Amino acid sequence: MHQIKSFQELDQILDKDKLILVDFYADWCSPCKTMMPMLEFLSGDIKEQLDILKVNIESEKVIADEFKIKTVPALFFIKDRKVLERMTGVQSIRYLRNRIEEYR
């Protein structure tokens, strides 16, 4: 898992030819805290298939605005700079794995 600190950093990573899962979160968000261990598990389990990026909506407001984030957690599957799916709320590991298999 990689913490994004700037729009330029995100832009460089989006240029990779790899499936990316971007997690928009806030430190005060309980559902975001629920998602954290699941995303950490996925990042270790299938890291060769997927890059997981974390974006704090409070410290990276420009990125949050660009992606029109209104609710957290917000998860985006991105490949080849295209948003394949946008989800809000807590998701199960099983659901995320199924989506990863479909998109890779």
PDB file of N, CA and C in Angstrom:
ATOM      1  N   MET A   1       0.853  -1.169   0.000  1.00  0.00           N
ATOM      2  CA  MET A   1       0.000   0.000   0.000  1.00  0.00           C
ATOM      3  C   MET A   1       0.897   1.229   0.000  1.00  0.00           C
ATOM      4  N   HIS A   2       0.449   2.226  -0.716  1.00  0.00           N
ATOM      5  CA  HIS A   2       1.269   3.424  -0.884  1.00  0.00           C
ATOM      6  C   HIS A   2       0.424   4.666  -0.564  1.00  0.00           C
ATOM      7  N   GLN A   3       0.917   5.493   0.342  1.00  0.00           N
ATOM      8  CA  GLN A   3       0.241   6.745   0.704  1.00  0.00           C
ATOM      9  C   GLN A   3       0.592   7.812  -0.334  1.00  0.00           C
ATOM     10  N   ILE A   4      -0.395   8.395  -0.966  1.00  0.00           N
ATOM     11  CA  ILE A   4      -0.177   9.432  -1.970  1.00  0.00           C
ATOM     12  C   ILE A   4      -0.086  10.789  -1.277  1.00  0.00           C
ATOM     13  N   LYS A   5       0.948  11.537  -1.619  1.00  0.00           N
ATOM     14  CA  LYS A   5       1.190  12.837  -0.981  1.00  0.00           C
ATOM     15  C   LYS A   5       1.008  14.019  -1.930  1.00  0.00           C
ATOM     16  N   SER A   6       0.802  13.746  -3.216  1.00  0.00           N
ATOM     17  CA  SER A   6       0.617  14.853  -4.165  1.00  0.00           C
ATOM     18  C   SER A   6      -0.074  14.349  -5.429  1.00  0.00           C
ATOM     19  N   PHE A   7      -0.655  15.293  -6.149  1.00  0.00           N
ATOM     20  CA  PHE A   7      -1.320  14.949  -7.407  1.00  0.00           C
ATOM     21  C   PHE A   7      -0.287  14.457  -8.417  1.00  0.00           C
ATOM     22  N   GLN A   8       0.914  15.029  -8.400  1.00  0.00           N
ATOM     23  CA  GLN A   8       1.974  14.620  -9.324  1.00  0.00           C
ATOM     24  C   GLN A   8       2.366  13.163  -9.076  1.00  0.00           C
ATOM     25  N   GLU A   9       2.460  12.781  -7.825  1.00  0.00           N
ATOM     26  CA  GLU A   9       2.787  11.397  -7.477  1.00  0.00           C
ATOM     27  C   GLU A   9       1.708  10.445  -7.987  1.00  0.00           C
ATOM     28  N   LEU A  10       0.457  10.795  -7.773  1.00  0.00           N
ATOM     29  CA  LEU A  10      -0.654   9.985  -8.273  1.00  0.00           C
ATOM     30  C   LEU A  10      -0.601   9.885  -9.786  1.00  0.00           C
ATOM     31  N   ASP A  11      -0.356  10.990 -10.442  1.00  0.00           N
ATOM     32  CA  ASP A  11      -0.298  11.035 -11.898  1.00  0.00           C
ATOM     33  C   ASP A  11       0.756  10.072 -12.441  1.00  0.00           C
ATOM     34  N   GLN A  12       1.918  10.026 -11.815  1.00  0.00           N
ATOM     35  CA  GLN A  12       2.984   9.117 -12.258  1.00  0.00           C
ATOM     36  C   GLN A  12       2.579   7.663 -12.095  1.00  0.00           C
ATOM     37  N   ILE A  13       1.931   7.341 -10.999  1.00  0.00           N
ATOM     38  CA  ILE A  13       1.520   5.959 -10.751  1.00  0.00           C
ATOM     39  C   ILE A  13       0.419   5.543 -11.708  1.00  0.00           C
ATOM     40  N   LEU A  14      -0.480   6.453 -12.053  1.00  0.00           N
ATOM     41  CA  LEU A  14      -1.557   6.123 -12.984  1.00  0.00           C
ATOM     42  C   LEU A  14      -1.032   5.803 -14.378  1.00  0.00           C
ATOM     43  N   ASP A  15       0.209   6.204 -14.671  1.00  0.00           N
ATOM     44  CA  ASP A  15       0.811   5.891 -15.965  1.00  0.00           C
ATOM     45  C   ASP A  15       1.257   4.437 -16.074  1.00  0.00           C
ATOM     46  N   LYS A  16       1.342   3.734 -14.952  1.00  0.00           N
ATOM     47  CA  LYS A  16       1.751   2.323 -14.970  1.00  0.00           C
ATOM     48  C   LYS A  16       0.679   1.487 -15.669  1.00  0.00           C
ATOM     49  N   ASP A  17       1.132   0.410 -16.286  1.00  0.00           N
ATOM     50  CA  ASP A  17       0.208  -0.524 -16.930  1.00  0.00           C
ATOM     51  C   ASP A  17      -0.169  -1.613 -15.926  1.00  0.00           C
ATOM     52  N   LYS A  18      -0.891  -1.214 -14.909  1.00  0.00           N
ATOM     53  CA  LYS A  18      -1.256  -2.127 -13.829  1.00  0.00           C
ATOM     54  C   LYS A  18      -2.606  -1.694 -13.271  1.00  0.00           C
ATOM     55  N   LEU A  19      -3.345  -2.654 -12.750  1.00  0.00           N
ATOM     56  CA  LEU A  19      -4.602  -2.344 -12.076  1.00  0.00           C
ATOM     57  C   LEU A  19      -4.287  -1.627 -10.770  1.00  0.00           C
ATOM     58  N   ILE A  20      -5.018  -0.558 -10.502  1.00  0.00           N
ATOM     59  CA  ILE A  20      -4.796   0.260  -9.314  1.00  0.00           C
ATOM     60  C   ILE A  20      -6.110   0.388  -8.553  1.00  0.00           C
ATOM     61  N   LEU A  21      -6.018   0.251  -7.244  1.00  0.00           N
ATOM     62  CA  LEU A  21      -7.154   0.500  -6.363  1.00  0.00           C
ATOM     63  C   LEU A  21      -6.801   1.714  -5.514  1.00  0.00           C
ATOM     64  N   VAL A  22      -7.580   2.780  -5.647  1.00  0.00           N
ATOM     65  CA  VAL A  22      -7.340   3.995  -4.874  1.00  0.00           C
ATOM     66  C   VAL A  22      -8.381   4.057  -3.766  1.00  0.00           C
ATOM     67  N   ASP A  23      -7.886   4.171  -2.540  1.00  0.00           N
ATOM     68  CA  ASP A  23      -8.743   4.264  -1.356  1.00  0.00           C
ATOM     69  C   ASP A  23      -8.706   5.702  -0.845  1.00  0.00           C
ATOM     70  N   PHE A  24      -9.832   6.395  -0.975  1.00  0.00           N
ATOM     71  CA  PHE A  24      -9.970   7.742  -0.421  1.00  0.00           C
ATOM     72  C   PHE A  24     -10.550   7.585   0.982  1.00  0.00           C
ATOM     73  N   TYR A  25      -9.878   8.185   1.958  1.00  0.00           N
ATOM     74  CA  TYR A  25     -10.272   7.991   3.350  1.00  0.00           C
ATOM     75  C   TYR A  25     -10.048   9.277   4.151  1.00  0.00           C
ATOM     76  N   ALA A  26     -10.522   9.245   5.394  1.00  0.00           N
ATOM     77  CA  ALA A  26     -10.257  10.311   6.362  1.00  0.00           C
ATOM     78  C   ALA A  26      -9.917   9.640   7.694  1.00  0.00           C
ATOM     79  N   ASP A  27      -9.059  10.271   8.464  1.00  0.00           N
ATOM     80  CA  ASP A  27      -8.635   9.695   9.745  1.00  0.00           C
ATOM     81  C   ASP A  27      -9.789   9.543  10.731  1.00  0.00           C
ATOM     82  N   TRP A  28     -10.792  10.395  10.661  1.00  0.00           N
ATOM     83  CA  TRP A  28     -11.915  10.360  11.600  1.00  0.00           C
ATOM     84  C   TRP A  28     -13.005   9.356  11.191  1.00  0.00           C
ATOM     85  N   CYS A  29     -12.869   8.736  10.039  1.00  0.00           N
ATOM     86  CA  CYS A  29     -13.909   7.891   9.443  1.00  0.00           C
ATOM     87  C   CYS A  29     -13.841   6.450   9.960  1.00  0.00           C
ATOM     88  N   SER A  30     -14.847   6.029  10.714  1.00  0.00           N
ATOM     89  CA  SER A  30     -14.884   4.655  11.254  1.00  0.00           C
ATOM     90  C   SER A  30     -14.941   3.591  10.157  1.00  0.00           C
ATOM     91  N   PRO A  31     -15.799   3.737   9.133  1.00  0.00           N
ATOM     92  CA  PRO A  31     -15.796   2.742   8.059  1.00  0.00           C
ATOM     93  C   PRO A  31     -14.433   2.653   7.345  1.00  0.00           C
ATOM     94  N   CYS A  32     -13.735   3.779   7.253  1.00  0.00           N
ATOM     95  CA  CYS A  32     -12.391   3.771   6.648  1.00  0.00           C
ATOM     96  C   CYS A  32     -11.443   2.919   7.485  1.00  0.00           C
ATOM     97  N   LYS A  33     -11.568   3.039   8.792  1.00  0.00           N
ATOM     98  CA  LYS A  33     -10.733   2.247   9.695  1.00  0.00           C
ATOM     99  C   LYS A  33     -11.072   0.766   9.581  1.00  0.00           C
ATOM    100  N   THR A  34     -12.319   0.452   9.311  1.00  0.00           N
ATOM    101  CA  THR A  34     -12.736  -0.933   9.104  1.00  0.00           C
ATOM    102  C   THR A  34     -12.109  -1.500   7.833  1.00  0.00           C
ATOM    103  N   MET A  35     -12.011  -0.675   6.805  1.00  0.00           N
ATOM    104  CA  MET A  35     -11.448  -1.123   5.524  1.00  0.00           C
ATOM    105  C   MET A  35      -9.937  -1.332   5.590  1.00  0.00           C
ATOM    106  N   MET A  36      -9.249  -0.608   6.455  1.00  0.00           N
ATOM    107  CA  MET A  36      -7.781  -0.620   6.486  1.00  0.00           C
ATOM    108  C   MET A  36      -7.179  -2.023   6.566  1.00  0.00           C
ATOM    109  N   PRO A  37      -7.570  -2.872   7.539  1.00  0.00           N
ATOM    110  CA  PRO A  37      -6.944  -4.200   7.606  1.00  0.00           C
ATOM    111  C   PRO A  37      -7.233  -5.055   6.372  1.00  0.00           C
ATOM    112  N   MET A  38      -8.394  -4.888   5.779  1.00  0.00           N
ATOM    113  CA  MET A  38      -8.720  -5.646   4.571  1.00  0.00           C
ATOM    114  C   MET A  38      -7.822  -5.232   3.411  1.00  0.00           C
ATOM    115  N   LEU A  39      -7.613  -3.929   3.262  1.00  0.00           N
ATOM    116  CA  LEU A  39      -6.753  -3.432   2.192  1.00  0.00           C
ATOM    117  C   LEU A  39      -5.297  -3.826   2.436  1.00  0.00           C
ATOM    118  N   GLU A  40      -4.866  -3.798   3.695  1.00  0.00           N
ATOM    119  CA  GLU A  40      -3.510  -4.237   4.015  1.00  0.00           C
ATOM    120  C   GLU A  40      -3.325  -5.708   3.666  1.00  0.00           C
ATOM    121  N   PHE A  41      -4.318  -6.529   3.977  1.00  0.00           N
ATOM    122  CA  PHE A  41      -4.268  -7.951   3.641  1.00  0.00           C
ATOM    123  C   PHE A  41      -4.165  -8.133   2.130  1.00  0.00           C
ATOM    124  N   LEU A  42      -5.027  -7.433   1.393  1.00  0.00           N
ATOM    125  CA  LEU A  42      -4.996  -7.538  -0.070  1.00  0.00           C
ATOM    126  C   LEU A  42      -3.663  -7.075  -0.645  1.00  0.00           C
ATOM    127  N   SER A  43      -3.116  -6.008  -0.089  1.00  0.00           N
ATOM    128  CA  SER A  43      -1.863  -5.474  -0.634  1.00  0.00           C
ATOM    129  C   SER A  43      -0.727  -6.475  -0.477  1.00  0.00           C
ATOM    130  N   GLY A  44      -0.737  -7.258   0.565  1.00  0.00           N
ATOM    131  CA  GLY A  44       0.289  -8.276   0.740  1.00  0.00           C
ATOM    132  C   GLY A  44      -0.010  -9.539  -0.034  1.00  0.00           C
ATOM    133  N   ASP A  45      -1.270  -9.850  -0.180  1.00  0.00           N
ATOM    134  CA  ASP A  45      -1.706 -11.104  -0.779  1.00  0.00           C
ATOM    135  C   ASP A  45      -1.588 -11.107  -2.304  1.00  0.00           C
ATOM    136  N   ILE A  46      -1.918  -9.993  -2.936  1.00  0.00           N
ATOM    137  CA  ILE A  46      -1.944  -9.969  -4.409  1.00  0.00           C
ATOM    138  C   ILE A  46      -1.248  -8.731  -4.969  1.00  0.00           C
ATOM    139  N   LYS A  47      -0.132  -8.356  -4.363  1.00  0.00           N
ATOM    140  CA  LYS A  47       0.544  -7.119  -4.752  1.00  0.00           C
ATOM    141  C   LYS A  47       1.073  -7.138  -6.184  1.00  0.00           C
ATOM    142  N   GLU A  48       1.361  -8.329  -6.737  1.00  0.00           N
ATOM    143  CA  GLU A  48       1.835  -8.372  -8.110  1.00  0.00           C
ATOM    144  C   GLU A  48       0.716  -8.094  -9.120  1.00  0.00           C
ATOM    145  N   GLN A  49      -0.518  -8.219  -8.713  1.00  0.00           N
ATOM    146  CA  GLN A  49      -1.659  -7.981  -9.591  1.00  0.00           C
ATOM    147  C   GLN A  49      -2.248  -6.585  -9.449  1.00  0.00           C
ATOM    148  N   LEU A  50      -1.912  -5.905  -8.363  1.00  0.00           N
ATOM    149  CA  LEU A  50      -2.641  -4.702  -7.998  1.00  0.00           C
ATOM    150  C   LEU A  50      -1.777  -3.763  -7.168  1.00  0.00           C
ATOM    151  N   ASP A  51      -1.850  -2.464  -7.446  1.00  0.00           N
ATOM    152  CA  ASP A  51      -1.270  -1.437  -6.576  1.00  0.00           C
ATOM    153  C   ASP A  51      -2.412  -0.809  -5.798  1.00  0.00           C
ATOM    154  N   ILE A  52      -2.263  -0.721  -4.488  1.00  0.00           N
ATOM    155  CA  ILE A  52      -3.269  -0.064  -3.655  1.00  0.00           C
ATOM    156  C   ILE A  52      -2.692   1.258  -3.184  1.00  0.00           C
ATOM    157  N   LEU A  53      -3.419   2.331  -3.472  1.00  0.00           N
ATOM    158  CA  LEU A  53      -3.012   3.678  -3.105  1.00  0.00           C
ATOM    159  C   LEU A  53      -3.993   4.236  -2.091  1.00  0.00           C
ATOM    160  N   LYS A  54      -3.487   4.969  -1.117  1.00  0.00           N
ATOM    161  CA  LYS A  54      -4.335   5.609  -0.118  1.00  0.00           C
ATOM    162  C   LYS A  54      -4.223   7.111  -0.269  1.00  0.00           C
ATOM    163  N   VAL A  55      -5.382   7.785  -0.264  1.00  0.00           N
ATOM    164  CA  VAL A  55      -5.416   9.240  -0.382  1.00  0.00           C
ATOM    165  C   VAL A  55      -6.262   9.792   0.761  1.00  0.00           C
ATOM    166  N   ASN A  56      -5.629  10.577   1.623  1.00  0.00           N
ATOM    167  CA  ASN A  56      -6.332  11.228   2.723  1.00  0.00           C
ATOM    168  C   ASN A  56      -7.045  12.464   2.149  1.00  0.00           C
ATOM    169  N   ILE A  57      -8.364  12.480   2.235  1.00  0.00           N
ATOM    170  CA  ILE A  57      -9.129  13.566   1.603  1.00  0.00           C
ATOM    171  C   ILE A  57      -8.928  14.919   2.283  1.00  0.00           C
ATOM    172  N   GLU A  58      -8.464  14.907   3.519  1.00  0.00           N
ATOM    173  CA  GLU A  58      -8.253  16.173   4.217  1.00  0.00           C
ATOM    174  C   GLU A  58      -6.909  16.800   3.878  1.00  0.00           C
ATOM    175  N   SER A  59      -5.881  15.989   3.718  1.00  0.00           N
ATOM    176  CA  SER A  59      -4.571  16.549   3.393  1.00  0.00           C
ATOM    177  C   SER A  59      -4.353  16.678   1.889  1.00  0.00           C
ATOM    178  N   GLU A  60      -5.115  15.946   1.100  1.00  0.00           N
ATOM    179  CA  GLU A  60      -4.987  15.988  -0.367  1.00  0.00           C
ATOM    180  C   GLU A  60      -6.318  16.408  -0.996  1.00  0.00           C
ATOM    181  N   LYS A  61      -6.742  17.618  -0.655  1.00  0.00           N
ATOM    182  CA  LYS A  61      -8.044  18.122  -1.115  1.00  0.00           C
ATOM    183  C   LYS A  61      -8.119  18.276  -2.632  1.00  0.00           C
ATOM    184  N   VAL A  62      -7.009  18.605  -3.265  1.00  0.00           N
ATOM    185  CA  VAL A  62      -7.004  18.767  -4.722  1.00  0.00           C
ATOM    186  C   VAL A  62      -7.356  17.445  -5.399  1.00  0.00           C
ATOM    187  N   ILE A  63      -6.756  16.375  -4.918  1.00  0.00           N
ATOM    188  CA  ILE A  63      -7.042  15.053  -5.499  1.00  0.00           C
ATOM    189  C   ILE A  63      -8.490  14.663  -5.205  1.00  0.00           C
ATOM    190  N   ALA A  64      -8.932  14.863  -3.980  1.00  0.00           N
ATOM    191  CA  ALA A  64     -10.315  14.523  -3.611  1.00  0.00           C
ATOM    192  C   ALA A  64     -11.310  15.304  -4.463  1.00  0.00           C
ATOM    193  N   ASP A  65     -11.018  16.577  -4.710  1.00  0.00           N
ATOM    194  CA  ASP A  65     -11.897  17.386  -5.557  1.00  0.00           C
ATOM    195  C   ASP A  65     -11.896  16.885  -6.998  1.00  0.00           C
ATOM    196  N   GLU A  66     -10.731  16.530  -7.495  1.00  0.00           N
ATOM    197  CA  GLU A  66     -10.614  16.031  -8.870  1.00  0.00           C
ATOM    198  C   GLU A  66     -11.459  14.766  -9.076  1.00  0.00           C
ATOM    199  N   PHE A  67     -11.502  13.910  -8.059  1.00  0.00           N
ATOM    200  CA  PHE A  67     -12.269  12.664  -8.140  1.00  0.00           C
ATOM    201  C   PHE A  67     -13.693  12.824  -7.607  1.00  0.00           C
ATOM    202  N   LYS A  68     -14.053  14.056  -7.232  1.00  0.00           N
ATOM    203  CA  LYS A  68     -15.408  14.381  -6.756  1.00  0.00           C
ATOM    204  C   LYS A  68     -15.833  13.500  -5.572  1.00  0.00           C
ATOM    205  N   ILE A  69     -14.961  13.420  -4.580  1.00  0.00           N
ATOM    206  CA  ILE A  69     -15.231  12.601  -3.403  1.00  0.00           C
ATOM    207  C   ILE A  69     -16.182  13.347  -2.470  1.00  0.00           C
ATOM    208  N   LYS A  70     -17.304  12.728  -2.190  1.00  0.00           N
ATOM    209  CA  LYS A  70     -18.306  13.290  -1.281  1.00  0.00           C
ATOM    210  C   LYS A  70     -18.480  12.428  -0.033  1.00  0.00           C
ATOM    211  N   THR A  71     -18.177  11.124  -0.158  1.00  0.00           N
ATOM    212  CA  THR A  71     -18.370  10.155   0.919  1.00  0.00           C
ATOM    213  C   THR A  71     -17.117   9.286   1.023  1.00  0.00           C
ATOM    214  N   VAL A  72     -16.744   8.960   2.246  1.00  0.00           N
ATOM    215  CA  VAL A  72     -15.627   8.040   2.448  1.00  0.00           C
ATOM    216  C   VAL A  72     -16.066   6.863   3.302  1.00  0.00           C
ATOM    217  N   PRO A  73     -15.463   5.716   3.137  1.00  0.00           N
ATOM    218  CA  PRO A  73     -14.431   5.440   2.157  1.00  0.00           C
ATOM    219  C   PRO A  73     -14.995   5.397   0.740  1.00  0.00           C
ATOM    220  N   ALA A  74     -14.165   5.822  -0.184  1.00  0.00           N
ATOM    221  CA  ALA A  74     -14.474   5.718  -1.611  1.00  0.00           C
ATOM    222  C   ALA A  74     -13.333   4.952  -2.256  1.00  0.00           C
ATOM    223  N   LEU A  75     -13.673   3.914  -2.973  1.00  0.00           N
ATOM    224  CA  LEU A  75     -12.678   3.064  -3.621  1.00  0.00           C
ATOM    225  C   LEU A  75     -12.858   3.136  -5.130  1.00  0.00           C
ATOM    226  N   PHE A  76     -11.757   3.310  -5.828  1.00  0.00           N
ATOM    227  CA  PHE A  76     -11.772   3.392  -7.283  1.00  0.00           C
ATOM    228  C   PHE A  76     -10.843   2.329  -7.864  1.00  0.00           C
ATOM    229  N   PHE A  77     -11.361   1.513  -8.775  1.00  0.00           N
ATOM    230  CA  PHE A  77     -10.500   0.654  -9.578  1.00  0.00           C
ATOM    231  C   PHE A  77     -10.162   1.427 -10.840  1.00  0.00           C
ATOM    232  N   ILE A  78      -8.866   1.545 -11.127  1.00  0.00           N
ATOM    233  CA  ILE A  78      -8.393   2.309 -12.281  1.00  0.00           C
ATOM    234  C   ILE A  78      -7.394   1.463 -13.059  1.00  0.00           C
ATOM    235  N   LYS A  79      -7.527   1.481 -14.369  1.00  0.00           N
ATOM    236  CA  LYS A  79      -6.544   0.831 -15.244  1.00  0.00           C
ATOM    237  C   LYS A  79      -6.448   1.653 -16.515  1.00  0.00           C
ATOM    238  N   ASP A  80      -5.216   1.866 -16.975  1.00  0.00           N
ATOM    239  CA  ASP A  80      -4.976   2.665 -18.179  1.00  0.00           C
ATOM    240  C   ASP A  80      -5.633   4.040 -18.066  1.00  0.00           C
ATOM    241  N   ARG A  81      -5.561   4.615 -16.858  1.00  0.00           N
ATOM    242  CA  ARG A  81      -6.113   5.952 -16.568  1.00  0.00           C
ATOM    243  C   ARG A  81      -7.641   6.025 -16.674  1.00  0.00           C
ATOM    244  N   LYS A  82      -8.309   4.895 -16.736  1.00  0.00           N
ATOM    245  CA  LYS A  82      -9.770   4.876 -16.807  1.00  0.00           C
ATOM    246  C   LYS A  82     -10.329   4.317 -15.510  1.00  0.00           C
ATOM    247  N   VAL A  83     -11.339   4.991 -14.991  1.00  0.00           N
ATOM    248  CA  VAL A  83     -12.022   4.487 -13.795  1.00  0.00           C
ATOM    249  C   VAL A  83     -12.931   3.350 -14.237  1.00  0.00           C
ATOM    250  N   LEU A  84     -12.644   2.152 -13.742  1.00  0.00           N
ATOM    251  CA  LEU A  84     -13.440   0.977 -14.076  1.00  0.00           C
ATOM    252  C   LEU A  84     -14.644   0.836 -13.163  1.00  0.00           C
ATOM    253  N   GLU A  85     -14.453   1.238 -11.912  1.00  0.00           N
ATOM    254  CA  GLU A  85     -15.544   1.141 -10.943  1.00  0.00           C
ATOM    255  C   GLU A  85     -15.273   2.079  -9.781  1.00  0.00           C
ATOM    256  N   ARG A  86     -16.344   2.651  -9.261  1.00  0.00           N
ATOM    257  CA  ARG A  86     -16.286   3.521  -8.083  1.00  0.00           C
ATOM    258  C   ARG A  86     -17.249   2.952  -7.051  1.00  0.00           C
ATOM    259  N   MET A  87     -16.751   2.757  -5.830  1.00  0.00           N
ATOM    260  CA  MET A  87     -17.568   2.201  -4.759  1.00  0.00           C
ATOM    261  C   MET A  87     -17.453   3.105  -3.534  1.00  0.00           C
ATOM    262  N   THR A  88     -18.489   3.155  -2.746  1.00  0.00           N
ATOM    263  CA  THR A  88     -18.421   3.863  -1.473  1.00  0.00           C
ATOM    264  C   THR A  88     -18.847   2.902  -0.369  1.00  0.00           C
ATOM    265  N   GLY A  89     -18.339   3.160   0.821  1.00  0.00           N
ATOM    266  CA  GLY A  89     -18.685   2.317   1.956  1.00  0.00           C
ATOM    267  C   GLY A  89     -17.755   1.126   2.076  1.00  0.00           C
ATOM    268  N   VAL A  90     -17.988   0.354   3.118  1.00  0.00           N
ATOM    269  CA  VAL A  90     -17.169  -0.821   3.399  1.00  0.00           C
ATOM    270  C   VAL A  90     -17.506  -1.924   2.399  1.00  0.00           C
ATOM    271  N   GLN A  91     -16.460  -2.533   1.837  1.00  0.00           N
ATOM    272  CA  GLN A  91     -16.600  -3.638   0.886  1.00  0.00           C
ATOM    273  C   GLN A  91     -15.943  -4.877   1.486  1.00  0.00           C
ATOM    274  N   SER A  92     -16.417  -6.037   1.117  1.00  0.00           N
ATOM    275  CA  SER A  92     -15.817  -7.275   1.635  1.00  0.00           C
ATOM    276  C   SER A  92     -14.573  -7.639   0.819  1.00  0.00           C
ATOM    277  N   ILE A  93     -13.697  -8.404   1.438  1.00  0.00           N
ATOM    278  CA  ILE A  93     -12.512  -8.888   0.724  1.00  0.00           C
ATOM    279  C   ILE A  93     -12.942  -9.748  -0.458  1.00  0.00           C
ATOM    280  N   ARG A  94     -13.939 -10.570  -0.259  1.00  0.00           N
ATOM    281  CA  ARG A  94     -14.417 -11.443  -1.344  1.00  0.00           C
ATOM    282  C   ARG A  94     -14.866 -10.610  -2.545  1.00  0.00           C
ATOM    283  N   TYR A  95     -15.635  -9.563  -2.294  1.00  0.00           N
ATOM    284  CA  TYR A  95     -16.099  -8.709  -3.389  1.00  0.00           C
ATOM    285  C   TYR A  95     -14.915  -8.059  -4.101  1.00  0.00           C
ATOM    286  N   LEU A  96     -13.968  -7.520  -3.325  1.00  0.00           N
ATOM    287  CA  LEU A  96     -12.805  -6.864  -3.928  1.00  0.00           C
ATOM    288  C   LEU A  96     -11.977  -7.861  -4.740  1.00  0.00           C
ATOM    289  N   ARG A  97     -11.777  -9.057  -4.222  1.00  0.00           N
ATOM    290  CA  ARG A  97     -11.032 -10.076  -4.980  1.00  0.00           C
ATOM    291  C   ARG A  97     -11.735 -10.417  -6.295  1.00  0.00           C
ATOM    292  N   ASN A  98     -13.045 -10.549  -6.248  1.00  0.00           N
ATOM    293  CA  ASN A  98     -13.800 -10.836  -7.481  1.00  0.00           C
ATOM    294  C   ASN A  98     -13.612  -9.724  -8.505  1.00  0.00           C
ATOM    295  N   ARG A  99     -13.640  -8.500  -8.046  1.00  0.00           N
ATOM    296  CA  ARG A  99     -13.463  -7.355  -8.954  1.00  0.00           C
ATOM    297  C   ARG A  99     -12.040  -7.347  -9.533  1.00  0.00           C
ATOM    298  N   ILE A 100     -11.062  -7.644  -8.689  1.00  0.00           N
ATOM    299  CA  ILE A 100      -9.665  -7.690  -9.138  1.00  0.00           C
ATOM    300  C   ILE A 100      -9.515  -8.744 -10.231  1.00  0.00           C
ATOM    301  N   GLU A 101     -10.079  -9.916 -10.008  1.00  0.00           N
ATOM    302  CA  GLU A 101     -10.005 -10.982 -11.022  1.00  0.00           C
ATOM    303  C   GLU A 101     -10.654 -10.551 -12.329  1.00  0.00           C
ATOM    304  N   GLU A 102     -11.764  -9.867 -12.234  1.00  0.00           N
ATOM    305  CA  GLU A 102     -12.462  -9.417 -13.441  1.00  0.00           C
ATOM    306  C   GLU A 102     -11.670  -8.373 -14.213  1.00  0.00           C
ATOM    307  N   TYR A 103     -11.031  -7.447 -13.506  1.00  0.00           N
ATOM    308  CA  TYR A 103     -10.373  -6.304 -14.147  1.00  0.00           C
ATOM    309  C   TYR A 103      -8.941  -6.542 -14.581  1.00  0.00           C
ATOM    310  N   ARG A 104      -8.273  -7.536 -14.046  1.00  0.00           N
ATOM    311  CA  ARG A 104      -6.847  -7.667 -14.400  1.00  0.00           C
ATOM    312  C   ARG A 104      -6.597  -8.283 -15.739  1.00  0.00           C
TER     313      ARG A 104
END
